C-alpha atoms as a PDB file:
ATOM      1  CA  UNK A   1       0.000   0.000   0.000  1.00  0.00           C
ATOM      2  CA  UNK A   2       1.305   3.461  -0.874  1.00  0.00           C
ATOM      3  CA  UNK A   3       2.059   5.497   2.254  1.00  0.00           C
ATOM      4  CA  UNK A   4      -0.104   8.593   2.609  1.00  0.00           C
ATOM      5  CA  UNK A   5       1.400  11.732   4.087  1.00  0.00           C
ATOM      6  CA  UNK A   6      -1.351  14.004   5.363  1.00  0.00           C
ATOM      7  CA  UNK A   7       0.134  15.111   8.664  1.00  0.00           C
ATOM      8  CA  UNK A   8      -0.639  18.453  10.182  1.00  0.00           C
ATOM      9  CA  UNK A   9       2.454  20.568  10.978  1.00  0.00           C
ATOM     10  CA  UNK A  10       2.522  21.922  14.496  1.00  0.00           C
ATOM     11  CA  UNK A  11       1.545  25.579  14.471  1.00  0.00           C
ATOM     12  CA  UNK A  12       4.018  28.059  15.849  1.00  0.00           C
ATOM     13  CA  UNK A  13       4.163  31.792  16.230  1.00  0.00           C
ATOM     14  CA  UNK A  14       6.098  33.772  13.664  1.00  0.00           C
ATOM     15  CA  UNK A  15       8.665  36.022  15.332  1.00  0.00           C
ATOM     16  CA  UNK A  16       7.673  39.646  15.553  1.00  0.00           C
ATOM     17  CA  UNK A  17       9.847  41.322  12.885  1.00  0.00           C
ATOM     18  CA  UNK A  18      11.816  44.377  13.875  1.00  0.00           C
ATOM     19  CA  UNK A  19      12.414  45.622  10.342  1.00  0.00           C
ATOM     20  CA  UNK A  20       8.831  45.431   9.076  1.00  0.00           C
ATOM     21  CA  UNK A  21       7.571  48.807   7.762  1.00  0.00           C
ATOM     22  CA  UNK A  22       4.867  50.521   9.774  1.00  0.00           C
ATOM     23  CA  UNK A  23       1.798  49.641   7.715  1.00  0.00           C
ATOM     24  CA  UNK A  24      -1.411  47.817   8.648  1.00  0.00           C
ATOM     25  CA  UNK A  25      -1.404  45.748   5.447  1.00  0.00           C
ATOM     26  CA  UNK A  26      -0.287  42.131   5.022  1.00  0.00           C
ATOM     27  CA  UNK A  27       3.082  42.757   3.402  1.00  0.00           C
ATOM     28  CA  UNK A  28       6.125  40.519   3.115  1.00  0.00           C
ATOM     29  CA  UNK A  29       9.874  41.062   2.745  1.00  0.00           C
ATOM     30  CA  UNK A  30       9.668  40.808  -1.057  1.00  0.00           C
ATOM     31  CA  UNK A  31       7.280  43.721  -1.567  1.00  0.00           C
ATOM     32  CA  UNK A  32       4.066  41.729  -2.014  1.00  0.00           C
ATOM     33  CA  UNK A  33       0.773  42.623  -0.341  1.00  0.00           C
ATOM     34  CA  UNK A  34      -1.828  39.956   0.427  1.00  0.00           C
ATOM     35  CA  UNK A  35      -5.363  41.005  -0.542  1.00  0.00           C
ATOM     36  CA  UNK A  36      -6.944  37.615  -1.299  1.00  0.00           C
ATOM     37  CA  UNK A  37      -7.928  35.428   1.682  1.00  0.00           C
ATOM     38  CA  UNK A  38      -8.526  31.699   1.239  1.00  0.00           C
ATOM     39  CA  UNK A  39     -10.361  30.083   4.153  1.00  0.00           C
ATOM     40  CA  UNK A  40     -10.403  26.286   4.409  1.00  0.00           C
ATOM     41  CA  UNK A  41     -13.375  25.176   6.501  1.00  0.00           C
ATOM     42  CA  UNK A  42     -13.095  21.373   6.432  1.00  0.00           C
ATOM     43  CA  UNK A  43     -10.811  18.502   5.468  1.00  0.00           C
ATOM     44  CA  UNK A  44     -13.753  16.348   4.349  1.00  0.00           C
ATOM     45  CA  UNK A  45     -14.641  15.815   0.701  1.00  0.00           C
ATOM     46  CA  UNK A  46     -17.318  13.957  -1.259  1.00  0.00           C
ATOM     47  CA  UNK A  47     -14.810  12.928  -3.962  1.00  0.00           C
ATOM     48  CA  UNK A  48     -11.380  11.279  -3.861  1.00  0.00           C
ATOM     49  CA  UNK A  49      -9.482  12.963  -6.694  1.00  0.00           C
ATOM     50  CA  UNK A  50      -6.237  11.109  -7.257  1.00  0.00           C
ATOM     51  CA  UNK A  51      -4.119  14.285  -7.368  1.00  0.00           C
ATOM     52  CA  UNK A  52      -5.518  15.515  -4.061  1.00  0.00           C
ATOM     53  CA  UNK A  53      -7.067  12.948  -1.713  1.00  0.00           C
ATOM     54  CA  UNK A  54      -6.085   9.434  -0.620  1.00  0.00           C
ATOM     55  CA  UNK A  55      -8.731   6.795  -1.323  1.00  0.00           C
ATOM     56  CA  UNK A  56      -9.762   6.617   2.332  1.00  0.00           C
ATOM     57  CA  UNK A  57      -9.913  10.394   2.724  1.00  0.00           C
ATOM     58  CA  UNK A  58      -7.903  12.540   5.118  1.00  0.00           C
ATOM     59  CA  UNK A  59      -7.689  11.886   8.863  1.00  0.00           C
ATOM     60  CA  UNK A  60     -10.630  13.698  10.465  1.00  0.00           C
ATOM     61  CA  UNK A  61     -10.094  16.935  12.354  1.00  0.00           C
ATOM     62  CA  UNK A  62     -11.648  16.958  15.808  1.00  0.00           C
ATOM     63  CA  UNK A  63     -14.782  19.094  15.828  1.00  0.00           C
ATOM     64  CA  UNK A  64     -13.423  21.177  18.710  1.00  0.00           C
ATOM     65  CA  UNK A  65     -10.409  22.148  16.597  1.00  0.00           C
ATOM     66  CA  UNK A  66     -12.438  23.456  13.668  1.00  0.00           C
ATOM     67  CA  UNK A  67     -13.251  27.142  13.570  1.00  0.00           C
ATOM     68  CA  UNK A  68     -16.918  27.868  14.261  1.00  0.00           C
ATOM     69  CA  UNK A  69     -18.981  30.167  11.998  1.00  0.00           C
ATOM     70  CA  UNK A  70     -18.595  32.974  14.532  1.00  0.00           C
ATOM     71  CA  UNK A  71     -14.838  32.498  14.759  1.00  0.00           C
ATOM     72  CA  UNK A  72     -14.478  32.439  10.983  1.00  0.00           C
ATOM     73  CA  UNK A  73     -16.486  35.661  10.733  1.00  0.00           C
ATOM     74  CA  UNK A  74     -14.371  37.265  13.448  1.00  0.00           C
ATOM     75  CA  UNK A  75     -11.135  36.510  11.573  1.00  0.00           C
ATOM     76  CA  UNK A  76     -12.655  37.580   8.259  1.00  0.00           C
ATOM     77  CA  UNK A  77     -13.593  40.884   9.893  1.00  0.00           C
ATOM     78  CA  UNK A  78     -10.031  41.328  11.136  1.00  0.00           C
ATOM     79  CA  UNK A  79      -8.686  40.548   7.662  1.00  0.00           C
ATOM     80  CA  UNK A  80     -10.987  42.994   5.881  1.00  0.00           C
ATOM     81  CA  UNK A  81     -11.078  45.896   8.332  1.00  0.00           C
ATOM     82  CA  UNK A  82      -7.546  45.798   9.750  1.00  0.00           C
ATOM     83  CA  UNK A  83      -5.393  44.049   7.151  1.00  0.00           C
ATOM     84  CA  UNK A  84      -6.683  45.284   3.807  1.00  0.00           C
ATOM     85  CA  UNK A  85      -8.080  42.004   2.449  1.00  0.00           C
ATOM     86  CA  UNK A  86     -10.385  42.573  -0.516  1.00  0.00           C
ATOM     87  CA  UNK A  87     -11.725  39.136  -1.392  1.00  0.00           C
ATOM     88  CA  UNK A  88     -12.786  36.067   0.593  1.00  0.00           C
ATOM     89  CA  UNK A  89     -12.878  32.537  -0.824  1.00  0.00           C
ATOM     90  CA  UNK A  90     -14.043  29.448   1.076  1.00  0.00           C
ATOM     91  CA  UNK A  91     -12.381  26.143   0.284  1.00  0.00           C
ATOM     92  CA  UNK A  92     -12.012  22.685   1.797  1.00  0.00           C
ATOM     93  CA  UNK A  93     -11.635  19.779   1.378  1.00  0.00           C
ATOM     94  CA  UNK A  94     -15.107  20.410   0.033  1.00  0.00           C
ATOM     95  CA  UNK A  95     -16.927  23.380   1.642  1.00  0.00           C
ATOM     96  CA  UNK A  96     -20.339  21.848   0.890  1.00  0.00           C
ATOM     97  CA  UNK A  97     -19.482  19.185   3.479  1.00  0.00           C
ATOM     98  CA  UNK A  98     -20.097  21.843   6.139  1.00  0.00           C
ATOM     99  CA  UNK A  99     -23.820  21.850   6.857  1.00  0.00           C
ATOM    100  CA  UNK A 100     -23.418  25.335   8.281  1.00  0.00           C
ATOM    101  CA  UNK A 101     -21.839  26.809   5.127  1.00  0.00           C
ATOM    102  CA  UNK A 102     -24.810  29.141   4.646  1.00  0.00           C
ATOM    103  CA  UNK A 103     -24.390  30.386   8.216  1.00  0.00           C
ATOM    104  CA  UNK A 104     -20.662  30.915   7.678  1.00  0.00           C
ATOM    105  CA  UNK A 105     -21.312  32.972   4.547  1.00  0.00           C
ATOM    106  CA  UNK A 106     -24.153  34.895   6.184  1.00  0.00           C
ATOM    107  CA  UNK A 107     -22.050  35.881   9.206  1.00  0.00           C
ATOM    108  CA  UNK A 108     -19.108  36.868   7.029  1.00  0.00           C
ATOM    109  CA  UNK A 109     -21.394  38.931   4.806  1.00  0.00           C
ATOM    110  CA  UNK A 110     -22.585  40.704   7.953  1.00  0.00           C
ATOM    111  CA  UNK A 111     -19.082  41.750   9.022  1.00  0.00           C
ATOM    112  CA  UNK A 112     -17.863  42.458   5.453  1.00  0.00           C
ATOM    113  CA  UNK A 113     -20.948  43.633   3.528  1.00  0.00           C
ATOM    114  CA  UNK A 114     -19.023  45.011   0.539  1.00  0.00           C
ATOM    115  CA  UNK A 115     -16.341  42.339   0.145  1.00  0.00           C
ATOM    116  CA  UNK A 116     -16.761  39.726  -2.620  1.00  0.00           C
ATOM    117  CA  UNK A 117     -17.351  36.251  -1.182  1.00  0.00           C
ATOM    118  CA  UNK A 118     -16.570  33.193  -3.292  1.00  0.00           C
ATOM    119  CA  UNK A 119     -16.283  29.441  -2.868  1.00  0.00           C
ATOM    120  CA  UNK A 120     -14.378  26.658  -4.593  1.00  0.00           C
ATOM    121  CA  UNK A 121     -16.406  23.444  -4.790  1.00  0.00           C
ATOM    122  CA  UNK A 122     -16.726  20.173  -6.682  1.00  0.00           C
ATOM    123  CA  UNK A 123     -20.471  20.961  -6.986  1.00  0.00           C
ATOM    124  CA  UNK A 124     -21.624  17.524  -5.792  1.00  0.00           C
ATOM    125  CA  UNK A 125     -24.980  18.252  -4.151  1.00  0.00           C
ATOM    126  CA  UNK A 126     -24.869  21.925  -5.093  1.00  0.00           C
ATOM    127  CA  UNK A 127     -28.253  21.689  -6.821  1.00  0.00           C
ATOM    128  CA  UNK A 128     -29.873  21.436  -3.377  1.00  0.00           C
ATOM    129  CA  UNK A 129     -28.115  24.485  -1.906  1.00  0.00           C
ATOM    130  CA  UNK A 130     -27.265  26.907  -4.694  1.00  0.00           C
ATOM    131  CA  UNK A 131     -30.176  29.219  -3.986  1.00  0.00           C
ATOM    132  CA  UNK A 132     -29.686  29.322  -0.209  1.00  0.00           C
ATOM    133  CA  UNK A 133     -25.979  30.024  -0.653  1.00  0.00           C
ATOM    134  CA  UNK A 134     -26.734  32.968  -2.926  1.00  0.00           C
ATOM    135  CA  UNK A 135     -29.335  34.233  -0.456  1.00  0.00           C
ATOM    136  CA  UNK A 136     -26.698  33.990   2.303  1.00  0.00           C
ATOM    137  CA  UNK A 137     -24.352  36.249   0.339  1.00  0.00           C
ATOM    138  CA  UNK A 138     -22.263  34.108  -2.020  1.00  0.00           C
ATOM    139  CA  UNK A 139     -21.117  36.127  -5.050  1.00  0.00           C
ATOM    140  CA  UNK A 140     -18.829  33.878  -7.079  1.00  0.00           C
ATOM    141  CA  UNK A 141     -18.150  30.210  -7.633  1.00  0.00           C
ATOM    142  CA  UNK A 142     -15.267  28.097  -8.904  1.00  0.00           C
ATOM    143  CA  UNK A 143     -16.109  24.494  -9.738  1.00  0.00           C
ATOM    144  CA  UNK A 144     -13.450  21.785  -9.925  1.00  0.00           C
ATOM    145  CA  UNK A 145     -14.140  19.692 -13.036  1.00  0.00           C
ATOM    146  CA  UNK A 146     -11.319  17.938 -14.878  1.00  0.00           C
ATOM    147  CA  UNK A 147     -13.256  16.025 -17.541  1.00  0.00           C
ATOM    148  CA  UNK A 148     -16.773  15.614 -18.933  1.00  0.00           C
ATOM    149  CA  UNK A 149     -16.157  11.996 -19.852  1.00  0.00           C
ATOM    150  CA  UNK A 150     -18.143   9.977 -17.320  1.00  0.00           C
ATOM    151  CA  UNK A 151     -15.796   7.001 -17.202  1.00  0.00           C
ATOM    152  CA  UNK A 152     -12.703   9.147 -16.816  1.00  0.00           C
ATOM    153  CA  UNK A 153     -14.425  11.266 -14.190  1.00  0.00           C
ATOM    154  CA  UNK A 154     -15.283   8.159 -12.170  1.00  0.00           C
ATOM    155  CA  UNK A 155     -11.719   6.867 -12.453  1.00  0.00           C
ATOM    156  CA  UNK A 156     -10.089  10.190 -11.556  1.00  0.00           C
ATOM    157  CA  UNK A 157     -12.372  11.015  -8.619  1.00  0.00           C
ATOM    158  CA  UNK A 158     -13.069   7.412  -7.519  1.00  0.00           C
ATOM    159  CA  UNK A 159     -16.771   8.405  -7.524  1.00  0.00           C
ATOM    160  CA  UNK A 160     -19.391   8.274 -10.313  1.00  0.00           C
ATOM    161  CA  UNK A 161     -20.862  11.738  -9.639  1.00  0.00           C
ATOM    162  CA  UNK A 162     -20.440  13.651 -12.903  1.00  0.00           C
ATOM    163  CA  UNK A 163     -24.207  14.072 -13.371  1.00  0.00           C
ATOM    164  CA  UNK A 164     -24.474  15.709  -9.936  1.00  0.00           C
ATOM    165  CA  UNK A 165     -21.646  18.119 -10.774  1.00  0.00           C
ATOM    166  CA  UNK A 166     -23.224  19.217 -14.055  1.00  0.00           C
ATOM    167  CA  UNK A 167     -26.629  19.585 -12.407  1.00  0.00           C
ATOM    168  CA  UNK A 168     -25.034  21.682  -9.665  1.00  0.00           C
ATOM    169  CA  UNK A 169     -23.455  24.043 -12.172  1.00  0.00           C
ATOM    170  CA  UNK A 170     -26.802  24.592 -13.888  1.00  0.00           C
ATOM    171  CA  UNK A 171     -28.483  25.161 -10.524  1.00  0.00           C
ATOM    172  CA  UNK A 172     -25.888  27.792  -9.617  1.00  0.00           C
ATOM    173  CA  UNK A 173     -26.564  29.637 -12.874  1.00  0.00           C
ATOM    174  CA  UNK A 174     -30.313  29.478 -12.282  1.00  0.00           C
ATOM    175  CA  UNK A 175     -29.765  30.849  -8.773  1.00  0.00           C
ATOM    176  CA  UNK A 176     -28.178  33.956 -10.263  1.00  0.00           C
ATOM    177  CA  UNK A 177     -24.456  33.190 -10.039  1.00  0.00           C
ATOM    178  CA  UNK A 178     -23.152  34.635 -13.284  1.00  0.00           C
ATOM    179  CA  UNK A 179     -19.477  34.532 -12.285  1.00  0.00           C
ATOM    180  CA  UNK A 180     -18.758  30.801 -12.463  1.00  0.00           C
ATOM    181  CA  UNK A 181     -15.348  29.437 -13.406  1.00  0.00           C
ATOM    182  CA  UNK A 182     -14.368  25.838 -14.031  1.00  0.00           C
ATOM    183  CA  UNK A 183     -10.982  24.679 -12.688  1.00  0.00           C
ATOM    184  CA  UNK A 184      -9.415  21.660 -14.406  1.00  0.00           C
ATOM    185  CA  UNK A 185      -6.161  20.123 -13.198  1.00  0.00           C
ATOM    186  CA  UNK A 186      -4.029  18.970 -16.106  1.00  0.00           C
ATOM    187  CA  UNK A 187      -3.476  15.211 -16.010  1.00  0.00           C
ATOM    188  CA  UNK A 188      -2.017  12.791 -18.574  1.00  0.00           C
ATOM    189  CA  UNK A 189      -5.259  10.777 -18.520  1.00  0.00           C
ATOM    190  CA  UNK A 190      -7.431  13.769 -19.449  1.00  0.00           C
ATOM    191  CA  UNK A 191      -5.187  15.787 -21.789  1.00  0.00           C
ATOM    192  CA  UNK A 192      -6.734  14.392 -24.964  1.00  0.00           C
ATOM    193  CA  UNK A 193     -10.196  15.323 -23.653  1.00  0.00           C
ATOM    194  CA  UNK A 194      -9.255  18.914 -22.812  1.00  0.00           C
ATOM    195  CA  UNK A 195     -10.719  20.281 -26.050  1.00  0.00           C
ATOM    196  CA  UNK A 196     -14.032  18.529 -25.318  1.00  0.00           C
ATOM    197  CA  UNK A 197     -14.096  20.152 -21.886  1.00  0.00           C
ATOM    198  CA  UNK A 198     -13.413  23.576 -23.386  1.00  0.00           C
ATOM    199  CA  UNK A 199     -16.177  23.066 -25.951  1.00  0.00           C
ATOM    200  CA  UNK A 200     -18.608  22.153 -23.166  1.00  0.00           C
ATOM    201  CA  UNK A 201     -17.644  25.231 -21.157  1.00  0.00           C
ATOM    202  CA  UNK A 202     -18.123  27.504 -24.147  1.00  0.00           C
ATOM    203  CA  UNK A 203     -21.620  26.080 -24.676  1.00  0.00           C
ATOM    204  CA  UNK A 204     -22.419  26.387 -20.959  1.00  0.00           C
ATOM    205  CA  UNK A 205     -21.088  29.974 -20.892  1.00  0.00           C
ATOM    206  CA  UNK A 206     -18.651  29.388 -18.063  1.00  0.00           C
ATOM    207  CA  UNK A 207     -14.964  30.275 -18.131  1.00  0.00           C
ATOM    208  CA  UNK A 208     -12.530  27.370 -18.084  1.00  0.00           C
ATOM    209  CA  UNK A 209      -9.124  27.527 -16.428  1.00  0.00           C
ATOM    210  CA  UNK A 210      -6.621  24.697 -16.690  1.00  0.00           C
ATOM    211  CA  UNK A 211      -4.129  24.309 -13.847  1.00  0.00           C
ATOM    212  CA  UNK A 212      -0.761  22.595 -13.956  1.00  0.00           C
ATOM    213  CA  UNK A 213      -0.633  19.873 -11.317  1.00  0.00           C
ATOM    214  CA  UNK A 214       1.485  20.810  -8.310  1.00  0.00           C
ATOM    215  CA  UNK A 215       3.254  18.470  -5.856  1.00  0.00           C
ATOM    216  CA  UNK A 216       0.474  18.649  -3.280  1.00  0.00           C
ATOM    217  CA  UNK A 217      -1.031  15.185  -3.689  1.00  0.00           C
ATOM    218  CA  UNK A 218      -1.475  13.151  -0.526  1.00  0.00           C
ATOM    219  CA  UNK A 219       0.084  10.020  -2.013  1.00  0.00           C
ATOM    220  CA  UNK A 220       3.266  11.806  -3.225  1.00  0.00           C
ATOM    221  CA  UNK A 221       2.906  10.467  -6.771  1.00  0.00           C
ATOM    222  CA  UNK A 222       3.629  13.803  -8.496  1.00  0.00           C
ATOM    223  CA  UNK A 223       6.696  13.915 -10.735  1.00  0.00           C
ATOM    224  CA  UNK A 224       7.998  16.797 -12.839  1.00  0.00           C
ATOM    225  CA  UNK A 225       8.786  14.384 -15.672  1.00  0.00           C
ATOM    226  CA  UNK A 226       5.199  13.158 -16.046  1.00  0.00           C
ATOM    227  CA  UNK A 227       3.150  16.282 -15.351  1.00  0.00           C
ATOM    228  CA  UNK A 228       1.297  17.939 -18.240  1.00  0.00           C
ATOM    229  CA  UNK A 229       2.612  21.421 -19.016  1.00  0.00           C
ATOM    230  CA  UNK A 230       0.814  24.519 -20.240  1.00  0.00           C
ATOM    231  CA  UNK A 231       2.680  24.262 -23.543  1.00  0.00           C
ATOM    232  CA  UNK A 232       1.503  20.700 -24.108  1.00  0.00           C
ATOM    233  CA  UNK A 233      -2.074  21.784 -23.428  1.00  0.00           C
ATOM    234  CA  UNK A 234      -1.876  24.681 -25.899  1.00  0.00           C
ATOM    235  CA  UNK A 235      -0.663  22.321 -28.596  1.00  0.00           C
ATOM    236  CA  UNK A 236      -3.719  20.110 -28.049  1.00  0.00           C
ATOM    237  CA  UNK A 237      -6.241  22.965 -27.894  1.00  0.00           C
ATOM    238  CA  UNK A 238      -4.922  24.649 -31.038  1.00  0.00           C
ATOM    239  CA  UNK A 239      -5.819  21.584 -33.072  1.00  0.00           C
ATOM    240  CA  UNK A 240      -9.497  22.562 -32.653  1.00  0.00           C
ATOM    241  CA  UNK A 241      -9.553  26.224 -31.603  1.00  0.00           C
ATOM    242  CA  UNK A 242      -8.058  29.535 -32.662  1.00  0.00           C
ATOM    243  CA  UNK A 243      -6.423  31.041 -29.580  1.00  0.00           C
ATOM    244  CA  UNK A 244      -5.258  34.649 -29.207  1.00  0.00           C
ATOM    245  CA  UNK A 245      -3.395  35.505 -26.003  1.00  0.00           C
ATOM    246  CA  UNK A 246      -4.637  38.555 -24.099  1.00  0.00           C
ATOM    247  CA  UNK A 247      -2.755  40.882 -21.795  1.00  0.00           C
ATOM    248  CA  UNK A 248      -2.998  40.083 -18.096  1.00  0.00           C
ATOM    249  CA  UNK A 249      -4.684  43.151 -16.576  1.00  0.00           C
ATOM    250  CA  UNK A 250      -4.042  42.180 -12.947  1.00  0.00           C
ATOM    251  CA  UNK A 251      -0.447  40.976 -12.387  1.00  0.00           C
ATOM    252  CA  UNK A 252      -1.539  39.046  -9.276  1.00  0.00           C
ATOM    253  CA  UNK A 253      -4.151  37.075 -11.240  1.00  0.00           C
ATOM    254  CA  UNK A 254      -2.616  33.625 -11.756  1.00  0.00           C
ATOM    255  CA  UNK A 255      -4.246  32.750 -15.075  1.00  0.00           C
ATOM    256  CA  UNK A 256      -2.870  33.596 -18.501  1.00  0.00           C
ATOM    257  CA  UNK A 257      -5.884  33.992 -20.799  1.00  0.00           C
ATOM    258  CA  UNK A 258      -6.631  33.315 -24.480  1.00  0.00           C
ATOM    259  CA  UNK A 259      -9.590  34.499 -26.566  1.00  0.00           C
ATOM    260  CA  UNK A 260     -11.189  31.470 -28.236  1.00  0.00           C
ATOM    261  CA  UNK A 261     -12.405  31.469 -31.848  1.00  0.00           C
ATOM    262  CA  UNK A 262     -12.534  35.219 -32.290  1.00  0.00           C
ATOM    263  CA  UNK A 263     -14.479  35.971 -29.137  1.00  0.00           C
ATOM    264  CA  UNK A 264     -16.705  32.983 -28.521  1.00  0.00           C
ATOM    265  CA  UNK A 265     -15.203  32.738 -25.073  1.00  0.00           C
ATOM    266  CA  UNK A 266     -12.020  32.783 -22.999  1.00  0.00           C
ATOM    267  CA  UNK A 267      -9.797  30.020 -21.653  1.00  0.00           C
ATOM    268  CA  UNK A 268      -7.199  30.470 -18.930  1.00  0.00           C
ATOM    269  CA  UNK A 269      -4.121  28.494 -17.982  1.00  0.00           C
ATOM    270  CA  UNK A 270      -2.540  28.644 -14.538  1.00  0.00           C
ATOM    271  CA  UNK A 271       1.019  27.437 -15.151  1.00  0.00           C
ATOM    272  CA  UNK A 272       1.906  27.097 -11.487  1.00  0.00           C
ATOM    273  CA  UNK A 273       5.038  25.041 -12.153  1.00  0.00           C
ATOM    274  CA  UNK A 274       6.468  26.030 -15.536  1.00  0.00           C
ATOM    275  CA  UNK A 275       5.568  29.748 -15.430  1.00  0.00           C
ATOM    276  CA  UNK A 276       5.605  30.535 -11.741  1.00  0.00           C
ATOM    277  CA  UNK A 277       3.771  33.685 -10.622  1.00  0.00           C
ATOM    278  CA  UNK A 278       5.080  33.639  -7.034  1.00  0.00           C
ATOM    279  CA  UNK A 279       6.586  37.107  -7.394  1.00  0.00           C
ATOM    280  CA  UNK A 280       3.078  38.567  -7.771  1.00  0.00           C
ATOM    281  CA  UNK A 281       1.266  36.352  -5.258  1.00  0.00           C
ATOM    282  CA  UNK A 282      -1.350  38.230  -3.216  1.00  0.00           C
ATOM    283  CA  UNK A 283      -2.824  35.352  -1.173  1.00  0.00           C
ATOM    284  CA  UNK A 284      -3.015  34.552   2.491  1.00  0.00           C
ATOM    285  CA  UNK A 285      -4.593  31.390   3.887  1.00  0.00           C
ATOM    286  CA  UNK A 286      -6.431  30.216   6.976  1.00  0.00           C
ATOM    287  CA  UNK A 287      -6.559  26.489   7.591  1.00  0.00           C
ATOM    288  CA  UNK A 288      -9.675  24.802   8.936  1.00  0.00           C
ATOM    289  CA  UNK A 289      -8.002  24.707  12.371  1.00  0.00           C
ATOM    290  CA  UNK A 290      -7.427  28.451  12.383  1.00  0.00           C
ATOM    291  CA  UNK A 291      -3.751  28.739  11.509  1.00  0.00           C
ATOM    292  CA  UNK A 292      -2.282  31.254   9.074  1.00  0.00           C
ATOM    293  CA  UNK A 293      -0.401  29.675   6.186  1.00  0.00           C
ATOM    294  CA  UNK A 294       1.406  32.244   4.051  1.00  0.00           C
ATOM    295  CA  UNK A 295       2.194  29.887   1.142  1.00  0.00           C
ATOM    296  CA  UNK A 296       0.864  26.570  -0.168  1.00  0.00           C
ATOM    297  CA  UNK A 297       4.376  25.142   0.022  1.00  0.00           C
ATOM    298  CA  UNK A 298       5.455  26.404   3.425  1.00  0.00           C
ATOM    299  CA  UNK A 299       4.867  24.258   6.503  1.00  0.00           C
ATOM    300  CA  UNK A 300       5.280  27.275   8.765  1.00  0.00           C
ATOM    301  CA  UNK A 301       1.920  28.084  10.378  1.00  0.00           C
ATOM    302  CA  UNK A 302       0.807  30.603  12.982  1.00  0.00           C
ATOM    303  CA  UNK A 303      -1.996  29.669  15.376  1.00  0.00           C
ATOM    304  CA  UNK A 304      -4.779  32.268  15.568  1.00  0.00           C
ATOM    305  CA  UNK A 305      -7.475  29.953  16.949  1.00  0.00           C
ATOM    306  CA  UNK A 306      -5.805  29.592  20.344  1.00  0.00           C
ATOM    307  CA  UNK A 307      -5.203  33.322  20.601  1.00  0.00           C
ATOM    308  CA  UNK A 308      -8.818  34.008  19.639  1.00  0.00           C
ATOM    309  CA  UNK A 309     -10.200  31.564  22.192  1.00  0.00           C
ATOM    310  CA  UNK A 310      -7.937  32.938  24.914  1.00  0.00           C
ATOM    311  CA  UNK A 311      -9.404  36.398  24.476  1.00  0.00           C
ATOM    312  CA  UNK A 312      -7.011  38.171  22.117  1.00  0.00           C
ATOM    313  CA  UNK A 313      -8.191  41.521  20.781  1.00  0.00           C
ATOM    314  CA  UNK A 314      -8.733  42.122  17.073  1.00  0.00           C
ATOM    315  CA  UNK A 315      -5.509  44.115  16.909  1.00  0.00           C
ATOM    316  CA  UNK A 316      -3.536  41.353  18.617  1.00  0.00           C
ATOM    317  CA  UNK A 317      -4.889  38.860  16.086  1.00  0.00           C
ATOM    318  CA  UNK A 318      -4.045  41.239  13.256  1.00  0.00           C
ATOM    319  CA  UNK A 319      -0.525  41.776  14.546  1.00  0.00           C
ATOM    320  CA  UNK A 320       0.153  38.024  14.729  1.00  0.00           C
ATOM    321  CA  UNK A 321      -1.179  37.671  11.183  1.00  0.00           C
ATOM    322  CA  UNK A 322       1.083  40.476   9.932  1.00  0.00           C
ATOM    323  CA  UNK A 323       4.122  38.816  11.490  1.00  0.00           C
ATOM    324  CA  UNK A 324       3.247  35.510   9.835  1.00  0.00           C
ATOM    325  CA  UNK A 325       2.968  37.090   6.397  1.00  0.00           C
ATOM    326  CA  UNK A 326       6.168  39.124   6.750  1.00  0.00           C
ATOM    327  CA  UNK A 327       8.130  35.843   6.875  1.00  0.00           C
ATOM    328  CA  UNK A 328       6.563  34.512   3.634  1.00  0.00           C
ATOM    329  CA  UNK A 329       9.095  32.804   1.346  1.00  0.00           C
ATOM    330  CA  UNK A 330      10.032  34.157  -2.083  1.00  0.00           C
ATOM    331  CA  UNK A 331       8.446  31.257  -3.970  1.00  0.00           C
ATOM    332  CA  UNK A 332       7.522  27.595  -4.005  1.00  0.00           C
ATOM    333  CA  UNK A 333      10.974  26.443  -5.266  1.00  0.00           C
ATOM    334  CA  UNK A 334       9.505  23.392  -7.024  1.00  0.00           C
ATOM    335  CA  UNK A 335      12.311  23.493  -9.582  1.00  0.00           C
ATOM    336  CA  UNK A 336      15.051  23.775  -6.949  1.00  0.00           C
ATOM    337  CA  UNK A 337      17.405  20.905  -6.179  1.00  0.00           C
ATOM    338  CA  UNK A 338      16.347  19.321  -2.913  1.00  0.00           C
ATOM    339  CA  UNK A 339      12.740  20.553  -3.072  1.00  0.00           C
ATOM    340  CA  UNK A 340      10.744  19.027  -0.222  1.00  0.00           C
ATOM    341  CA  UNK A 341       7.010  18.329  -0.485  1.00  0.00           C
ATOM    342  CA  UNK A 342       4.966  20.147   2.160  1.00  0.00           C
ATOM    343  CA  UNK A 343       3.597  18.003   4.980  1.00  0.00           C
ATOM    344  CA  UNK A 344      -0.010  18.905   4.253  1.00  0.00           C
ATOM    345  CA  UNK A 345      -1.636  17.879   0.982  1.00  0.00           C
ATOM    346  CA  UNK A 346      -3.890  20.204  -0.999  1.00  0.00           C
ATOM    347  CA  UNK A 347      -6.996  18.742   0.603  1.00  0.00           C
ATOM    348  CA  UNK A 348      -5.684  19.639   4.047  1.00  0.00           C
ATOM    349  CA  UNK A 349      -4.648  23.174   3.071  1.00  0.00           C
ATOM    350  CA  UNK A 350      -7.432  24.477   0.856  1.00  0.00           C
ATOM    351  CA  UNK A 351      -6.821  25.772  -2.671  1.00  0.00           C
END
């Protein structure tokens, strides 16, 4: 049996930097400012995607260690009002596995009424909750969907739930979510079906973004020599579509974008490995247990949950968060000799 590494690194406090400029924002030593907050709210998922989850799922987090809706809203309020965060995105695992997701969104909308709130989901079961999520305050949605071939979907996710995903996407559109993006991880098994997926997205009027697979799989099977690159994908897509590259308006936006067939739609590619955008990264992350993680590939975490539960003020929480982000590394260093996989897998971090 393949060993599965899904351990949780012990959280520790980042040292209070003496040379950090006097600014309330979430800045780091390399001149970047974090404006985009990703909040993982669970390690549970309804699928078992081979590039993310082990077949048995991740070890469960004790309920007492998960942030409550009120605690999540408190930290979101600190991020928005004291640290300059401009966008909130809920992730998992799978955020729909939290029965109180509507309450989480509602309470965050209350403390940050003008801040865009998004979620990344696999859309399994979304048809039953799309309307209530929109009513709670959800603005945007990213759906993880790597293939529209039912057999390949079942093999890749270890679950035969493609129909539920497609139904969920339609339900989200009917509920009024016009900003829906599809995220597809590039895999050797699905590369030849990438043009079919793009065609489906164009018909469904949703924007597709392909993502190079990163070494964040729980089973440590990722290899640079076998991953599908952005260049390989473009070669496949250009056999069926005319693609014209567009200028990236926001340098912190990870996706390079191409106009498809003279304006029928747009496709994006997030080349996380071969065209790293670390120098423009504007993200900060909260894990489901309430620790700050400044980078997907850094195992250094700062515990805010304990501080919060011990009565820390909003400014004390903000100051600990600032210190954590100041020590953010320059980049993921995937291409460096001696690169070490992070302890947590993607499912335990949140995308």
